[in-house]
Amino acid sequence: MLSSLIQIFQVFQVTSAVVVTAVLFALAGITLAGSVVGLIVATPLFVIFSPVLVPATIASTLLATNLSAGALFGVTAAALIVWLLK
């Protein structure tokens, strides 16, 4: 009796694993298809607006770098002042 229950449980495990795997593969395929469609739609926009996007990207990268460097210099200065006052 117990051995037949174990076999039924194993069959149920395999069946549920196959179903879950198929559903996840389907969701992955839908996600991939949506990403490809989005890329196909967005590519002409990137080409059209690239004269604006490239300088804006460069400027925002420089701005972020300078803000990070300024924050780092401020933290370093505060640490040095604390070290000197000890």
Protein backbone atom coordinates (compact mmCIF):
# COMPACT_ATOMS: atom_id res chain seq x y z
CA MET A 1 0.00 0.00 0.00
CA LEU A 2 2.72 2.47 0.99
CA SER A 3 4.91 1.64 -2.00
CA SER A 4 2.06 2.38 -4.42
CA LEU A 5 1.47 5.73 -2.70
CA ILE A 6 5.15 6.58 -3.10
CA GLN A 7 4.98 5.75 -6.81
CA ILE A 8 1.84 7.83 -7.26
CA PHE A 9 3.50 10.72 -5.42
CA GLN A 10 6.58 10.47 -7.66
CA VAL A 11 4.40 10.47 -10.77
CA PHE A 12 2.61 13.53 -9.41
CA GLN A 13 5.97 15.23 -8.75
CA VAL A 14 7.23 14.57 -12.27
CA THR A 15 3.95 15.67 -13.85
CA SER A 16 3.80 18.89 -11.87
CA ALA A 17 7.47 19.61 -12.60
CA VAL A 18 6.86 19.18 -16.34
CA VAL A 19 3.82 21.46 -16.23
CA VAL A 20 5.61 24.16 -14.24
CA THR A 21 8.62 23.95 -16.57
CA ALA A 22 6.42 24.33 -19.64
CA VAL A 23 4.64 27.34 -18.15
CA LEU A 24 7.92 29.02 -17.22
CA PHE A 25 9.36 28.37 -20.69
CA ALA A 26 6.23 29.91 -22.22
CA LEU A 27 6.56 32.99 -20.00
CA ALA A 28 10.24 33.29 -20.90
CA GLY A 29 9.36 33.11 -24.60
CA ILE A 30 6.70 35.78 -24.24
CA THR A 31 9.16 38.00 -22.38
CA LEU A 32 11.80 37.50 -25.07
CA ALA A 33 9.31 38.27 -27.83
CA GLY A 34 8.20 41.44 -26.04
CA SER A 35 11.81 42.55 -25.61
CA VAL A 36 12.54 41.99 -29.30
CA VAL A 37 9.42 43.90 -30.36
CA GLY A 38 10.34 46.75 -28.02
CA LEU A 39 13.86 46.87 -29.42
CA ILE A 40 12.54 46.87 -32.99
CA VAL A 41 10.21 49.76 -32.16
CA ALA A 42 12.80 51.75 -30.20
CA THR A 43 15.74 51.40 -32.61
CA PRO A 44 14.51 53.98 -35.16
CA LEU A 45 13.83 56.40 -32.32
CA PHE A 46 17.37 55.95 -31.04
CA VAL A 47 18.75 56.57 -34.54
CA ILE A 48 16.59 59.67 -35.04
CA PHE A 49 17.34 61.17 -31.63
CA SER A 50 20.99 60.09 -31.39
CA PRO A 51 22.33 63.63 -32.04
CA VAL A 52 20.54 64.65 -28.85
CA LEU A 53 20.97 61.46 -26.83
CA VAL A 54 24.74 61.07 -27.22
CA PRO A 55 25.68 64.53 -25.85
CA ALA A 56 23.02 64.20 -23.14
CA THR A 57 24.48 60.84 -22.11
CA ILE A 58 27.99 62.26 -22.04
CA ALA A 59 26.85 65.28 -20.02
CA SER A 60 24.90 63.22 -17.50
CA THR A 61 27.83 60.81 -17.11
CA LEU A 62 30.20 63.69 -16.45
CA LEU A 63 27.72 65.23 -14.01
CA ALA A 64 27.32 61.98 -12.08
CA THR A 65 31.09 61.46 -12.02
CA ASN A 66 31.72 64.98 -10.73
CA LEU A 67 29.02 64.70 -8.06
CA SER A 68 30.45 61.38 -6.90
CA ALA A 69 33.96 62.79 -6.82
CA GLY A 70 32.78 65.85 -4.88
CA ALA A 71 31.03 63.66 -2.33
CA LEU A 72 34.13 61.50 -2.00
CA PHE A 73 36.32 64.56 -1.47
CA GLY A 74 33.90 65.84 1.18
CA VAL A 75 33.94 62.54 3.05
CA THR A 76 37.74 62.44 2.82
CA ALA A 77 38.01 65.99 4.16
CA ALA A 78 35.67 65.21 7.04
CA ALA A 79 37.65 62.08 7.89
CA LEU A 80 40.93 64.04 7.83
CA ILE A 81 39.50 66.75 10.08
CA VAL A 82 38.28 64.14 12.56
CA TRP A 83 41.69 62.44 12.42
CA LEU A 84 43.51 65.76 13.01
CA LEU A 85 41.30 66.69 15.97
CA LYS A 86 41.97 63.42 17.81
